[in-house]
Structure formats: structure tokens, C-alpha cells
Amino acid sequence: MPSLKQQFADTIGELRRLGHQPAAKAVAELRERLEQLDHQRCTITDRGEHDELSKLGDQARGLLIHAYSRAEVGRSVAKAARDRQIHDVLNPTILSPQHDTVPEIEAAELEWDVLDEFER
């Protein structure tokens, strides 16, 4: 089993690879994994190792917050495009500069209070 430090590093690596519009499911899974790692970090008694793991946890939380924000923006853009398409269908006499392709809106909702992460 990899060390706690390696698990944090792996999580940070996955957070960096999420891309510009991460899936809500991927963000939620990484959030759960980070919470588990933080819980395990609390059991470490060596102060130096605990501090190092805390820094890695802070870095991972920062990346998670950014991934969450990107996912929210992507979802909002998709919703706005969908709303515009519905508006165009309901009001055919109003010309729309939008094109006909509409991205699919992700079914999974991102329910997470980002401000809670700053209180830790």
C-alpha cells in the first residue's frame, strides 16, 4: 500500500489532469478521497511528517477548489446554451446569433460549499 505522502501526491496529480471542464463525478470522487486522506493525516503523530502532509493537503484542496469552479462554469455555460436554444424554439421570430449545437448538461449536481474548505 502506498504511503500517505504518495497518496496525496497521486491525488494532486489527478487533480492537475482534470482539464478545463472536469466532470462533476470526477470532482466529487477526488473530494471524497481527499477527505479520507485528511482523516488519515490526523492520525500521524510525527510533527514533521504531519506538517508536510498538511502542506500537501492544502495544495490538493486548492486544486480541488479550482476544479470545482471550472466544473461549475462549464455547467453554467451548458445551461445557458440550452436555455438559449429553448428560447429560440419558443420565439422563432427573434433571430439568434447562436448555432444549433448544444452541449449536454451533466446530470450530476455539484453540491459542495467551497467556503467550508477555507475554514479548515
PDB file of N, CA and C in Angstrom:
ATOM      1  N   MET A   1       0.847  -1.180   0.000  1.00  0.00           N
ATOM      2  CA  MET A   1       0.000   0.000   0.000  1.00  0.00           C
ATOM      3  C   MET A   1       0.895   1.247   0.000  1.00  0.00           C
ATOM      4  N   PRO A   2       0.584   2.205  -0.874  1.00  0.00           N
ATOM      5  CA  PRO A   2       1.415   3.416  -0.936  1.00  0.00           C
ATOM      6  C   PRO A   2       1.329   4.230   0.360  1.00  0.00           C
ATOM      7  N   SER A   3       2.382   4.966   0.614  1.00  0.00           N
ATOM      8  CA  SER A   3       2.402   5.812   1.801  1.00  0.00           C
ATOM      9  C   SER A   3       1.379   6.933   1.666  1.00  0.00           C
ATOM     10  N   LEU A   4       1.076   7.562   2.775  1.00  0.00           N
ATOM     11  CA  LEU A   4       0.105   8.660   2.778  1.00  0.00           C
ATOM     12  C   LEU A   4       0.605   9.816   1.916  1.00  0.00           C
ATOM     13  N   LYS A   5       1.919  10.057   1.969  1.00  0.00           N
ATOM     14  CA  LYS A   5       2.511  11.116   1.153  1.00  0.00           C
ATOM     15  C   LYS A   5       2.324  10.800  -0.330  1.00  0.00           C
ATOM     16  N   GLN A   6       2.522   9.558  -0.721  1.00  0.00           N
ATOM     17  CA  GLN A   6       2.350   9.147  -2.112  1.00  0.00           C
ATOM     18  C   GLN A   6       0.884   9.243  -2.529  1.00  0.00           C
ATOM     19  N   GLN A   7      -0.024   8.901  -1.626  1.00  0.00           N
ATOM     20  CA  GLN A   7      -1.453   9.001  -1.937  1.00  0.00           C
ATOM     21  C   GLN A   7      -1.857  10.460  -2.166  1.00  0.00           C
ATOM     22  N   PHE A   8      -1.336  11.374  -1.335  1.00  0.00           N
ATOM     23  CA  PHE A   8      -1.595  12.802  -1.551  1.00  0.00           C
ATOM     24  C   PHE A   8      -1.025  13.241  -2.900  1.00  0.00           C
ATOM     25  N   ALA A   9       0.193  12.805  -3.218  1.00  0.00           N
ATOM     26  CA  ALA A   9       0.828  13.173  -4.493  1.00  0.00           C
ATOM     27  C   ALA A   9       0.021  12.636  -5.673  1.00  0.00           C
ATOM     28  N   ASP A  10      -0.487  11.412  -5.560  1.00  0.00           N
ATOM     29  CA  ASP A  10      -1.306  10.835  -6.623  1.00  0.00           C
ATOM     30  C   ASP A  10      -2.598  11.630  -6.809  1.00  0.00           C
ATOM     31  N   THR A  11      -3.214  12.031  -5.702  1.00  0.00           N
ATOM     32  CA  THR A  11      -4.450  12.818  -5.766  1.00  0.00           C
ATOM     33  C   THR A  11      -4.184  14.174  -6.402  1.00  0.00           C
ATOM     34  N   ILE A  12      -3.083  14.808  -6.035  1.00  0.00           N
ATOM     35  CA  ILE A  12      -2.707  16.096  -6.630  1.00  0.00           C
ATOM     36  C   ILE A  12      -2.493  15.929  -8.132  1.00  0.00           C
ATOM     37  N   GLY A  13      -1.828  14.842  -8.532  1.00  0.00           N
ATOM     38  CA  GLY A  13      -1.613  14.575  -9.951  1.00  0.00           C
ATOM     39  C   GLY A  13      -2.925  14.404 -10.710  1.00  0.00           C
ATOM     40  N   GLU A  14      -3.864  13.684 -10.108  1.00  0.00           N
ATOM     41  CA  GLU A  14      -5.162  13.500 -10.758  1.00  0.00           C
ATOM     42  C   GLU A  14      -5.925  14.818 -10.853  1.00  0.00           C
ATOM     43  N   LEU A  15      -5.821  15.648  -9.829  1.00  0.00           N
ATOM     44  CA  LEU A  15      -6.488  16.950  -9.862  1.00  0.00           C
ATOM     45  C   LEU A  15      -5.918  17.823 -10.966  1.00  0.00           C
ATOM     46  N   ARG A  16      -4.627  17.735 -11.195  1.00  0.00           N
ATOM     47  CA  ARG A  16      -3.997  18.530 -12.252  1.00  0.00           C
ATOM     48  C   ARG A  16      -4.382  18.042 -13.641  1.00  0.00           C
ATOM     49  N   ARG A  17      -4.731  16.767 -13.755  1.00  0.00           N
ATOM     50  CA  ARG A  17      -5.077  16.202 -15.055  1.00  0.00           C
ATOM     51  C   ARG A  17      -6.569  16.319 -15.387  1.00  0.00           C
ATOM     52  N   LEU A  18      -7.353  16.964 -14.558  1.00  0.00           N
ATOM     53  CA  LEU A  18      -8.792  17.041 -14.798  1.00  0.00           C
ATOM     54  C   LEU A  18      -9.163  17.859 -16.035  1.00  0.00           C
ATOM     55  N   GLY A  19      -8.380  18.815 -16.390  1.00  0.00           N
ATOM     56  CA  GLY A  19      -8.660  19.606 -17.580  1.00  0.00           C
ATOM     57  C   GLY A  19      -9.491  20.838 -17.288  1.00  0.00           C
ATOM     58  N   HIS A  20      -9.957  21.475 -18.362  1.00  0.00           N
ATOM     59  CA  HIS A  20     -10.660  22.756 -18.239  1.00  0.00           C
ATOM     60  C   HIS A  20     -12.110  22.610 -17.825  1.00  0.00           C
ATOM     61  N   GLN A  21     -12.747  21.499 -18.170  1.00  0.00           N
ATOM     62  CA  GLN A  21     -14.138  21.282 -17.796  1.00  0.00           C
ATOM     63  C   GLN A  21     -14.273  19.887 -17.190  1.00  0.00           C
ATOM     64  N   PRO A  22     -13.871  19.741 -15.934  1.00  0.00           N
ATOM     65  CA  PRO A  22     -13.923  18.418 -15.312  1.00  0.00           C
ATOM     66  C   PRO A  22     -15.356  17.957 -15.072  1.00  0.00           C
ATOM     67  N   ALA A  23     -15.544  16.662 -15.091  1.00  0.00           N
ATOM     68  CA  ALA A  23     -16.856  16.079 -14.815  1.00  0.00           C
ATOM     69  C   ALA A  23     -17.159  16.198 -13.322  1.00  0.00           C
ATOM     70  N   ALA A  24     -18.410  16.443 -13.019  1.00  0.00           N
ATOM     71  CA  ALA A  24     -18.823  16.593 -11.620  1.00  0.00           C
ATOM     72  C   ALA A  24     -18.530  15.325 -10.827  1.00  0.00           C
ATOM     73  N   LYS A  25     -18.706  14.176 -11.463  1.00  0.00           N
ATOM     74  CA  LYS A  25     -18.466  12.906 -10.789  1.00  0.00           C
ATOM     75  C   LYS A  25     -16.985  12.762 -10.400  1.00  0.00           C
ATOM     76  N   ALA A  26     -16.096  13.143 -11.291  1.00  0.00           N
ATOM     77  CA  ALA A  26     -14.659  13.050 -11.013  1.00  0.00           C
ATOM     78  C   ALA A  26     -14.272  13.982  -9.875  1.00  0.00           C
ATOM     79  N   VAL A  27     -14.815  15.189  -9.867  1.00  0.00           N
ATOM     80  CA  VAL A  27     -14.517  16.148  -8.792  1.00  0.00           C
ATOM     81  C   VAL A  27     -15.032  15.613  -7.454  1.00  0.00           C
ATOM     82  N   ALA A  28     -16.231  15.046  -7.466  1.00  0.00           N
ATOM     83  CA  ALA A  28     -16.808  14.505  -6.227  1.00  0.00           C
ATOM     84  C   ALA A  28     -15.989  13.329  -5.693  1.00  0.00           C
ATOM     85  N   GLU A  29     -15.532  12.459  -6.595  1.00  0.00           N
ATOM     86  CA  GLU A  29     -14.712  11.318  -6.170  1.00  0.00           C
ATOM     87  C   GLU A  29     -13.395  11.777  -5.558  1.00  0.00           C
ATOM     88  N   LEU A  30     -12.755  12.761  -6.189  1.00  0.00           N
ATOM     89  CA  LEU A  30     -11.487  13.262  -5.660  1.00  0.00           C
ATOM     90  C   LEU A  30     -11.699  13.998  -4.343  1.00  0.00           C
ATOM     91  N   ARG A  31     -12.823  14.644  -4.184  1.00  0.00           N
ATOM     92  CA  ARG A  31     -13.134  15.321  -2.922  1.00  0.00           C
ATOM     93  C   ARG A  31     -13.280  14.303  -1.796  1.00  0.00           C
ATOM     94  N   GLU A  32     -13.975  13.193  -2.078  1.00  0.00           N
ATOM     95  CA  GLU A  32     -14.131  12.145  -1.072  1.00  0.00           C
ATOM     96  C   GLU A  32     -12.783  11.540  -0.707  1.00  0.00           C
ATOM     97  N   ARG A  33     -11.947  11.294  -1.724  1.00  0.00           N
ATOM     98  CA  ARG A  33     -10.628  10.719  -1.451  1.00  0.00           C
ATOM     99  C   ARG A  33      -9.782  11.676  -0.608  1.00  0.00           C
ATOM    100  N   LEU A  34      -9.859  12.957  -0.910  1.00  0.00           N
ATOM    101  CA  LEU A  34      -9.097  13.948  -0.148  1.00  0.00           C
ATOM    102  C   LEU A  34      -9.578  14.010   1.304  1.00  0.00           C
ATOM    103  N   GLU A  35     -10.872  13.906   1.518  1.00  0.00           N
ATOM    104  CA  GLU A  35     -11.400  13.892   2.880  1.00  0.00           C
ATOM    105  C   GLU A  35     -10.883  12.680   3.649  1.00  0.00           C
ATOM    106  N   GLN A  36     -10.817  11.517   2.996  1.00  0.00           N
ATOM    107  CA  GLN A  36     -10.281  10.316   3.635  1.00  0.00           C
ATOM    108  C   GLN A  36      -8.805  10.488   3.973  1.00  0.00           C
ATOM    109  N   LEU A  37      -8.055  11.067   3.047  1.00  0.00           N
ATOM    110  CA  LEU A  37      -6.630  11.284   3.299  1.00  0.00           C
ATOM    111  C   LEU A  37      -6.427  12.271   4.447  1.00  0.00           C
ATOM    112  N   ASP A  38      -7.233  13.314   4.497  1.00  0.00           N
ATOM    113  CA  ASP A  38      -7.135  14.270   5.601  1.00  0.00           C
ATOM    114  C   ASP A  38      -7.437  13.599   6.932  1.00  0.00           C
ATOM    115  N   HIS A  39      -8.399  12.707   6.922  1.00  0.00           N
ATOM    116  CA  HIS A  39      -8.736  11.982   8.157  1.00  0.00           C
ATOM    117  C   HIS A  39      -7.560  11.093   8.585  1.00  0.00           C
ATOM    118  N   GLN A  40      -6.946  10.416   7.622  1.00  0.00           N
ATOM    119  CA  GLN A  40      -5.787   9.574   7.933  1.00  0.00           C
ATOM    120  C   GLN A  40      -4.609  10.423   8.401  1.00  0.00           C
ATOM    121  N   ARG A  41      -4.472  11.617   7.841  1.00  0.00           N
ATOM    122  CA  ARG A  41      -3.374  12.512   8.226  1.00  0.00           C
ATOM    123  C   ARG A  41      -3.455  12.877   9.698  1.00  0.00           C
ATOM    124  N   CYS A  42      -4.664  12.976  10.214  1.00  0.00           N
ATOM    125  CA  CYS A  42      -4.843  13.347  11.619  1.00  0.00           C
ATOM    126  C   CYS A  42      -4.300  12.304  12.577  1.00  0.00           C
ATOM    127  N   THR A  43      -4.082  11.077  12.112  1.00  0.00           N
ATOM    128  CA  THR A  43      -3.571  10.015  12.980  1.00  0.00           C
ATOM    129  C   THR A  43      -2.049  10.021  13.075  1.00  0.00           C
ATOM    130  N   ILE A  44      -1.378  10.818  12.243  1.00  0.00           N
ATOM    131  CA  ILE A  44       0.090  10.874  12.234  1.00  0.00           C
ATOM    132  C   ILE A  44       0.564  11.637  13.474  1.00  0.00           C
ATOM    133  N   THR A  45       1.479  11.016  14.223  1.00  0.00           N
ATOM    134  CA  THR A  45       1.974  11.645  15.458  1.00  0.00           C
ATOM    135  C   THR A  45       3.274  12.416  15.251  1.00  0.00           C
ATOM    136  N   ASP A  46       4.056  12.057  14.239  1.00  0.00           N
ATOM    137  CA  ASP A  46       5.309  12.760  13.970  1.00  0.00           C
ATOM    138  C   ASP A  46       4.993  14.153  13.439  1.00  0.00           C
ATOM    139  N   ARG A  47       5.450  15.181  14.152  1.00  0.00           N
ATOM    140  CA  ARG A  47       5.096  16.569  13.820  1.00  0.00           C
ATOM    141  C   ARG A  47       5.608  16.996  12.443  1.00  0.00           C
ATOM    142  N   GLY A  48       6.818  16.611  12.094  1.00  0.00           N
ATOM    143  CA  GLY A  48       7.389  16.987  10.798  1.00  0.00           C
ATOM    144  C   GLY A  48       6.617  16.371   9.649  1.00  0.00           C
ATOM    145  N   GLU A  49       6.317  15.093   9.783  1.00  0.00           N
ATOM    146  CA  GLU A  49       5.551  14.419   8.731  1.00  0.00           C
ATOM    147  C   GLU A  49       4.127  14.984   8.649  1.00  0.00           C
ATOM    148  N   HIS A  50       3.551  15.282   9.807  1.00  0.00           N
ATOM    149  CA  HIS A  50       2.197  15.853   9.841  1.00  0.00           C
ATOM    150  C   HIS A  50       2.168  17.207   9.128  1.00  0.00           C
ATOM    151  N   ASP A  51       3.177  18.039   9.371  1.00  0.00           N
ATOM    152  CA  ASP A  51       3.249  19.348   8.710  1.00  0.00           C
ATOM    153  C   ASP A  51       3.411  19.210   7.197  1.00  0.00           C
ATOM    154  N   GLU A  52       4.255  18.271   6.784  1.00  0.00           N
ATOM    155  CA  GLU A  52       4.468  18.050   5.352  1.00  0.00           C
ATOM    156  C   GLU A  52       3.176  17.570   4.685  1.00  0.00           C
ATOM    157  N   LEU A  53       2.467  16.650   5.346  1.00  0.00           N
ATOM    158  CA  LEU A  53       1.204  16.161   4.809  1.00  0.00           C
ATOM    159  C   LEU A  53       0.141  17.258   4.807  1.00  0.00           C
ATOM    160  N   SER A  54       0.206  18.154   5.790  1.00  0.00           N
ATOM    161  CA  SER A  54      -0.739  19.280   5.822  1.00  0.00           C
ATOM    162  C   SER A  54      -0.535  20.197   4.625  1.00  0.00           C
ATOM    163  N   LYS A  55       0.737  20.434   4.279  1.00  0.00           N
ATOM    164  CA  LYS A  55       1.032  21.270   3.105  1.00  0.00           C
ATOM    165  C   LYS A  55       0.520  20.609   1.823  1.00  0.00           C
ATOM    166  N   LEU A  56       0.715  19.308   1.715  1.00  0.00           N
ATOM    167  CA  LEU A  56       0.210  18.592   0.543  1.00  0.00           C
ATOM    168  C   LEU A  56      -1.325  18.635   0.513  1.00  0.00           C
ATOM    169  N   GLY A  57      -1.943  18.511   1.675  1.00  0.00           N
ATOM    170  CA  GLY A  57      -3.399  18.586   1.755  1.00  0.00           C
ATOM    171  C   GLY A  57      -3.915  19.950   1.357  1.00  0.00           C
ATOM    172  N   ASP A  58      -3.228  20.999   1.782  1.00  0.00           N
ATOM    173  CA  ASP A  58      -3.621  22.356   1.396  1.00  0.00           C
ATOM    174  C   ASP A  58      -3.502  22.555  -0.111  1.00  0.00           C
ATOM    175  N   GLN A  59      -2.430  22.042  -0.680  1.00  0.00           N
ATOM    176  CA  GLN A  59      -2.242  22.151  -2.126  1.00  0.00           C
ATOM    177  C   GLN A  59      -3.354  21.401  -2.860  1.00  0.00           C
ATOM    178  N   ALA A  60      -3.671  20.210  -2.395  1.00  0.00           N
ATOM    179  CA  ALA A  60      -4.728  19.417  -3.034  1.00  0.00           C
ATOM    180  C   ALA A  60      -6.085  20.099  -2.896  1.00  0.00           C
ATOM    181  N   ARG A  61      -6.366  20.686  -1.749  1.00  0.00           N
ATOM    182  CA  ARG A  61      -7.639  21.392  -1.555  1.00  0.00           C
ATOM    183  C   ARG A  61      -7.742  22.606  -2.483  1.00  0.00           C
ATOM    184  N   GLY A  62      -6.635  23.307  -2.656  1.00  0.00           N
ATOM    185  CA  GLY A  62      -6.628  24.445  -3.578  1.00  0.00           C
ATOM    186  C   GLY A  62      -6.932  24.008  -5.005  1.00  0.00           C
ATOM    187  N   LEU A  63      -6.302  22.917  -5.436  1.00  0.00           N
ATOM    188  CA  LEU A  63      -6.569  22.397  -6.779  1.00  0.00           C
ATOM    189  C   LEU A  63      -8.009  21.902  -6.904  1.00  0.00           C
ATOM    190  N   LEU A  64      -8.530  21.321  -5.829  1.00  0.00           N
ATOM    191  CA  LEU A  64      -9.908  20.833  -5.837  1.00  0.00           C
ATOM    192  C   LEU A  64     -10.892  21.995  -5.960  1.00  0.00           C
ATOM    193  N   ILE A  65     -10.622  23.071  -5.265  1.00  0.00           N
ATOM    194  CA  ILE A  65     -11.491  24.253  -5.344  1.00  0.00           C
ATOM    195  C   ILE A  65     -11.498  24.817  -6.759  1.00  0.00           C
ATOM    196  N   HIS A  66     -10.323  24.869  -7.393  1.00  0.00           N
ATOM    197  CA  HIS A  66     -10.248  25.359  -8.774  1.00  0.00           C
ATOM    198  C   HIS A  66     -10.978  24.416  -9.731  1.00  0.00           C
ATOM    199  N   ALA A  67     -10.837  23.110  -9.522  1.00  0.00           N
ATOM    200  CA  ALA A  67     -11.535  22.141 -10.376  1.00  0.00           C
ATOM    201  C   ALA A  67     -13.042  22.288 -10.213  1.00  0.00           C
ATOM    202  N   TYR A  68     -13.482  22.486  -8.986  1.00  0.00           N
ATOM    203  CA  TYR A  68     -14.908  22.681  -8.728  1.00  0.00           C
ATOM    204  C   TYR A  68     -15.414  23.933  -9.450  1.00  0.00           C
ATOM    205  N   SER A  69     -14.647  24.993  -9.382  1.00  0.00           N
ATOM    206  CA  SER A  69     -15.039  26.240 -10.052  1.00  0.00           C
ATOM    207  C   SER A  69     -15.131  26.046 -11.557  1.00  0.00           C
ATOM    208  N   ARG A  70     -14.154  25.358 -12.137  1.00  0.00           N
ATOM    209  CA  ARG A  70     -14.178  25.105 -13.579  1.00  0.00           C
ATOM    210  C   ARG A  70     -15.384  24.250 -13.968  1.00  0.00           C
ATOM    211  N   ALA A  71     -15.712  23.258 -13.133  1.00  0.00           N
ATOM    212  CA  ALA A  71     -16.873  22.415 -13.405  1.00  0.00           C
ATOM    213  C   ALA A  71     -18.158  23.230 -13.346  1.00  0.00           C
ATOM    214  N   GLU A  72     -18.254  24.122 -12.373  1.00  0.00           N
ATOM    215  CA  GLU A  72     -19.437  24.981 -12.245  1.00  0.00           C
ATOM    216  C   GLU A  72     -19.570  25.902 -13.452  1.00  0.00           C
ATOM    217  N   VAL A  73     -18.463  26.481 -13.909  1.00  0.00           N
ATOM    218  CA  VAL A  73     -18.500  27.361 -15.080  1.00  0.00           C
ATOM    219  C   VAL A  73     -18.934  26.568 -16.309  1.00  0.00           C
ATOM    220  N   GLY A  74     -18.386  25.397 -16.490  1.00  0.00           N
ATOM    221  CA  GLY A  74     -18.764  24.558 -17.619  1.00  0.00           C
ATOM    222  C   GLY A  74     -20.236  24.194 -17.600  1.00  0.00           C
ATOM    223  N   ARG A  75     -20.735  23.869 -16.430  1.00  0.00           N
ATOM    224  CA  ARG A  75     -22.146  23.529 -16.286  1.00  0.00           C
ATOM    225  C   ARG A  75     -23.025  24.748 -16.550  1.00  0.00           C
ATOM    226  N   SER A  76     -22.603  25.909 -16.077  1.00  0.00           N
ATOM    227  CA  SER A  76     -23.371  27.137 -16.305  1.00  0.00           C
ATOM    228  C   SER A  76     -23.406  27.509 -17.781  1.00  0.00           C
ATOM    229  N   VAL A  77     -22.287  27.348 -18.463  1.00  0.00           N
ATOM    230  CA  VAL A  77     -22.234  27.649 -19.893  1.00  0.00           C
ATOM    231  C   VAL A  77     -23.159  26.695 -20.657  1.00  0.00           C
ATOM    232  N   ALA A  78     -23.136  25.421 -20.305  1.00  0.00           N
ATOM    233  CA  ALA A  78     -24.001  24.450 -20.960  1.00  0.00           C
ATOM    234  C   ALA A  78     -25.477  24.767 -20.704  1.00  0.00           C
ATOM    235  N   LYS A  79     -25.788  25.162 -19.482  1.00  0.00           N
ATOM    236  CA  LYS A  79     -27.172  25.508 -19.145  1.00  0.00           C
ATOM    237  C   LYS A  79     -27.613  26.749 -19.918  1.00  0.00           C
ATOM    238  N   ALA A  80     -26.743  27.748 -20.018  1.00  0.00           N
ATOM    239  CA  ALA A  80     -27.082  28.964 -20.751  1.00  0.00           C
ATOM    240  C   ALA A  80     -27.317  28.659 -22.235  1.00  0.00           C
ATOM    241  N   ALA A  81     -26.499  27.793 -22.802  1.00  0.00           N
ATOM    242  CA  ALA A  81     -26.684  27.425 -24.206  1.00  0.00           C
ATOM    243  C   ALA A  81     -28.002  26.683 -24.396  1.00  0.00           C
ATOM    244  N   ARG A  82     -28.303  25.825 -23.454  1.00  0.00           N
ATOM    245  CA  ARG A  82     -29.574  25.080 -23.515  1.00  0.00           C
ATOM    246  C   ARG A  82     -30.760  26.033 -23.361  1.00  0.00           C
ATOM    247  N   ASP A  83     -30.670  26.968 -22.423  1.00  0.00           N
ATOM    248  CA  ASP A  83     -31.737  27.958 -22.241  1.00  0.00           C
ATOM    249  C   ASP A  83     -31.922  28.799 -23.499  1.00  0.00           C
ATOM    250  N   ARG A  84     -30.826  29.138 -24.145  1.00  0.00           N
ATOM    251  CA  ARG A  84     -30.906  29.938 -25.370  1.00  0.00           C
ATOM    252  C   ARG A  84     -31.590  29.153 -26.474  1.00  0.00           C
ATOM    253  N   GLN A  85     -31.284  27.872 -26.565  1.00  0.00           N
ATOM    254  CA  GLN A  85     -31.920  27.037 -27.581  1.00  0.00           C
ATOM    255  C   GLN A  85     -33.425  26.934 -27.315  1.00  0.00           C
ATOM    256  N   ILE A  86     -33.819  26.772 -26.082  1.00  0.00           N
ATOM    257  CA  ILE A  86     -35.240  26.719 -25.735  1.00  0.00           C
ATOM    258  C   ILE A  86     -35.911  28.043 -26.090  1.00  0.00           C
ATOM    259  N   HIS A  87     -35.246  29.145 -25.780  1.00  0.00           N
ATOM    260  CA  HIS A  87     -35.772  30.464 -26.121  1.00  0.00           C
ATOM    261  C   HIS A  87     -35.950  30.597 -27.626  1.00  0.00           C
ATOM    262  N   ASP A  88     -34.974  30.120 -28.394  1.00  0.00           N
ATOM    263  CA  ASP A  88     -35.053  30.203 -29.852  1.00  0.00           C
ATOM    264  C   ASP A  88     -36.227  29.394 -30.396  1.00  0.00           C
ATOM    265  N   VAL A  89     -36.490  28.251 -29.791  1.00  0.00           N
ATOM    266  CA  VAL A  89     -37.606  27.419 -30.237  1.00  0.00           C
ATOM    267  C   VAL A  89     -38.938  28.087 -29.900  1.00  0.00           C
ATOM    268  N   LEU A  90     -39.008  28.676 -28.718  1.00  0.00           N
ATOM    269  CA  LEU A  90     -40.251  29.316 -28.292  1.00  0.00           C
ATOM    270  C   LEU A  90     -40.512  30.649 -28.995  1.00  0.00           C
ATOM    271  N   ASN A  91     -39.466  31.279 -29.481  1.00  0.00           N
ATOM    272  CA  ASN A  91     -39.580  32.581 -30.135  1.00  0.00           C
ATOM    273  C   ASN A  91     -38.905  32.534 -31.508  1.00  0.00           C
ATOM    274  N   PRO A  92     -39.537  31.883 -32.475  1.00  0.00           N
ATOM    275  CA  PRO A  92     -38.877  31.701 -33.774  1.00  0.00           C
ATOM    276  C   PRO A  92     -38.746  32.985 -34.595  1.00  0.00           C
ATOM    277  N   THR A  93     -39.455  34.022 -34.227  1.00  0.00           N
ATOM    278  CA  THR A  93     -39.355  35.258 -34.999  1.00  0.00           C
ATOM    279  C   THR A  93     -38.165  36.112 -34.590  1.00  0.00           C
ATOM    280  N   ILE A  94     -37.552  35.792 -33.461  1.00  0.00           N
ATOM    281  CA  ILE A  94     -36.375  36.527 -32.993  1.00  0.00           C
ATOM    282  C   ILE A  94     -35.145  35.788 -33.500  1.00  0.00           C
ATOM    283  N   LEU A  95     -34.317  36.489 -34.271  1.00  0.00           N
ATOM    284  CA  LEU A  95     -33.122  35.858 -34.825  1.00  0.00           C
ATOM    285  C   LEU A  95     -32.075  35.675 -33.729  1.00  0.00           C
ATOM    286  N   SER A  96     -31.435  34.528 -33.738  1.00  0.00           N
ATOM    287  CA  SER A  96     -30.427  34.216 -32.735  1.00  0.00           C
ATOM    288  C   SER A  96     -29.062  34.073 -33.389  1.00  0.00           C
ATOM    289  N   PRO A  97     -28.032  34.679 -32.802  1.00  0.00           N
ATOM    290  CA  PRO A  97     -26.687  34.521 -33.359  1.00  0.00           C
ATOM    291  C   PRO A  97     -26.061  33.175 -32.984  1.00  0.00           C
ATOM    292  N   GLN A  98     -26.744  32.424 -32.117  1.00  0.00           N
ATOM    293  CA  GLN A  98     -26.209  31.152 -31.652  1.00  0.00           C
ATOM    294  C   GLN A  98     -26.365  30.086 -32.736  1.00  0.00           C
ATOM    295  N   HIS A  99     -25.472  29.103 -32.728  1.00  0.00           N
ATOM    296  CA  HIS A  99     -25.600  27.992 -33.649  1.00  0.00           C
ATOM    297  C   HIS A  99     -26.425  26.881 -33.007  1.00  0.00           C
ATOM    298  N   ASP A 100     -26.768  25.878 -33.770  1.00  0.00           N
ATOM    299  CA  ASP A 100     -27.736  24.873 -33.318  1.00  0.00           C
ATOM    300  C   ASP A 100     -27.175  23.807 -32.393  1.00  0.00           C
ATOM    301  N   THR A 101     -25.870  23.701 -32.250  1.00  0.00           N
ATOM    302  CA  THR A 101     -25.329  22.657 -31.383  1.00  0.00           C
ATOM    303  C   THR A 101     -25.390  23.098 -29.934  1.00  0.00           C
ATOM    304  N   VAL A 102     -25.845  22.202 -29.088  1.00  0.00           N
ATOM    305  CA  VAL A 102     -25.980  22.498 -27.666  1.00  0.00           C
ATOM    306  C   VAL A 102     -25.259  21.413 -26.886  1.00  0.00           C
ATOM    307  N   PRO A 103     -24.324  21.783 -26.025  1.00  0.00           N
ATOM    308  CA  PRO A 103     -23.653  20.768 -25.214  1.00  0.00           C
ATOM    309  C   PRO A 103     -24.620  20.165 -24.202  1.00  0.00           C
ATOM    310  N   GLU A 104     -24.402  18.914 -23.897  1.00  0.00           N
ATOM    311  CA  GLU A 104     -25.243  18.231 -22.916  1.00  0.00           C
ATOM    312  C   GLU A 104     -24.926  18.740 -21.513  1.00  0.00           C
ATOM    313  N   ILE A 105     -25.954  18.880 -20.710  1.00  0.00           N
ATOM    314  CA  ILE A 105     -25.775  19.300 -19.326  1.00  0.00           C
ATOM    315  C   ILE A 105     -25.589  18.057 -18.478  1.00  0.00           C
ATOM    316  N   GLU A 106     -24.598  18.095 -17.638  1.00  0.00           N
ATOM    317  CA  GLU A 106     -24.294  16.970 -16.784  1.00  0.00           C
ATOM    318  C   GLU A 106     -25.390  16.776 -15.749  1.00  0.00           C
ATOM    319  N   ALA A 107     -25.834  15.543 -15.571  1.00  0.00           N
ATOM    320  CA  ALA A 107     -26.935  15.267 -14.652  1.00  0.00           C
ATOM    321  C   ALA A 107     -26.507  15.416 -13.193  1.00  0.00           C
ATOM    322  N   ALA A 108     -25.282  15.066 -12.904  1.00  0.00           N
ATOM    323  CA  ALA A 108     -24.821  15.134 -11.513  1.00  0.00           C
ATOM    324  C   ALA A 108     -24.625  16.591 -11.102  1.00  0.00           C
ATOM    325  N   GLU A 109     -25.185  16.951  -9.983  1.00  0.00           N
ATOM    326  CA  GLU A 109     -25.051  18.306  -9.469  1.00  0.00           C
ATOM    327  C   GLU A 109     -23.804  18.392  -8.596  1.00  0.00           C
ATOM    328  N   LEU A 110     -23.164  19.520  -8.630  1.00  0.00           N
ATOM    329  CA  LEU A 110     -22.015  19.758  -7.763  1.00  0.00           C
ATOM    330  C   LEU A 110     -22.525  20.425  -6.496  1.00  0.00           C
ATOM    331  N   GLU A 111     -22.739  19.626  -5.492  1.00  0.00           N
ATOM    332  CA  GLU A 111     -23.234  20.172  -4.238  1.00  0.00           C
ATOM    333  C   GLU A 111     -22.092  20.148  -3.227  1.00  0.00           C
ATOM    334  N   TRP A 112     -21.462  21.305  -3.105  1.00  0.00           N
ATOM    335  CA  TRP A 112     -20.321  21.393  -2.221  1.00  0.00           C
ATOM    336  C   TRP A 112     -20.129  22.850  -1.874  1.00  0.00           C
ATOM    337  N   ASP A 113     -19.971  23.136  -0.629  1.00  0.00           N
ATOM    338  CA  ASP A 113     -19.780  24.502  -0.191  1.00  0.00           C
ATOM    339  C   ASP A 113     -18.284  24.788  -0.153  1.00  0.00           C
ATOM    340  N   VAL A 114     -17.807  25.539  -1.123  1.00  0.00           N
ATOM    341  CA  VAL A 114     -16.379  25.826  -1.245  1.00  0.00           C
ATOM    342  C   VAL A 114     -15.871  26.578  -0.026  1.00  0.00           C
ATOM    343  N   LEU A 115     -16.698  27.417   0.581  1.00  0.00           N
ATOM    344  CA  LEU A 115     -16.266  28.193   1.727  1.00  0.00           C
ATOM    345  C   LEU A 115     -15.902  27.314   2.905  1.00  0.00           C
ATOM    346  N   ASP A 116     -16.480  26.115   3.001  1.00  0.00           N
ATOM    347  CA  ASP A 116     -16.114  25.194   4.079  1.00  0.00           C
ATOM    348  C   ASP A 116     -14.648  24.802   3.999  1.00  0.00           C
ATOM    349  N   GLU A 117     -14.092  24.744   2.786  1.00  0.00           N
ATOM    350  CA  GLU A 117     -12.699  24.368   2.624  1.00  0.00           C
ATOM    351  C   GLU A 117     -11.747  25.408   3.202  1.00  0.00           C
ATOM    352  N   PHE A 118     -12.166  26.675   3.209  1.00  0.00           N
ATOM    353  CA  PHE A 118     -11.300  27.715   3.726  1.00  0.00           C
ATOM    354  C   PHE A 118     -11.356  27.768   5.250  1.00  0.00           C
ATOM    355  N   GLU A 119     -12.363  27.169   5.865  1.00  0.00           N
ATOM    356  CA  GLU A 119     -12.484  27.197   7.312  1.00  0.00           C
ATOM    357  C   GLU A 119     -11.626  26.147   7.981  1.00  0.00           C
ATOM    358  N   ARG A 120     -11.059  25.227   7.222  1.00  0.00           N
ATOM    359  CA  ARG A 120     -10.249  24.153   7.826  1.00  0.00           C
ATOM    360  C   ARG A 120      -8.936  24.681   8.314  1.00  0.00           C
TER     361      ARG A 120
END
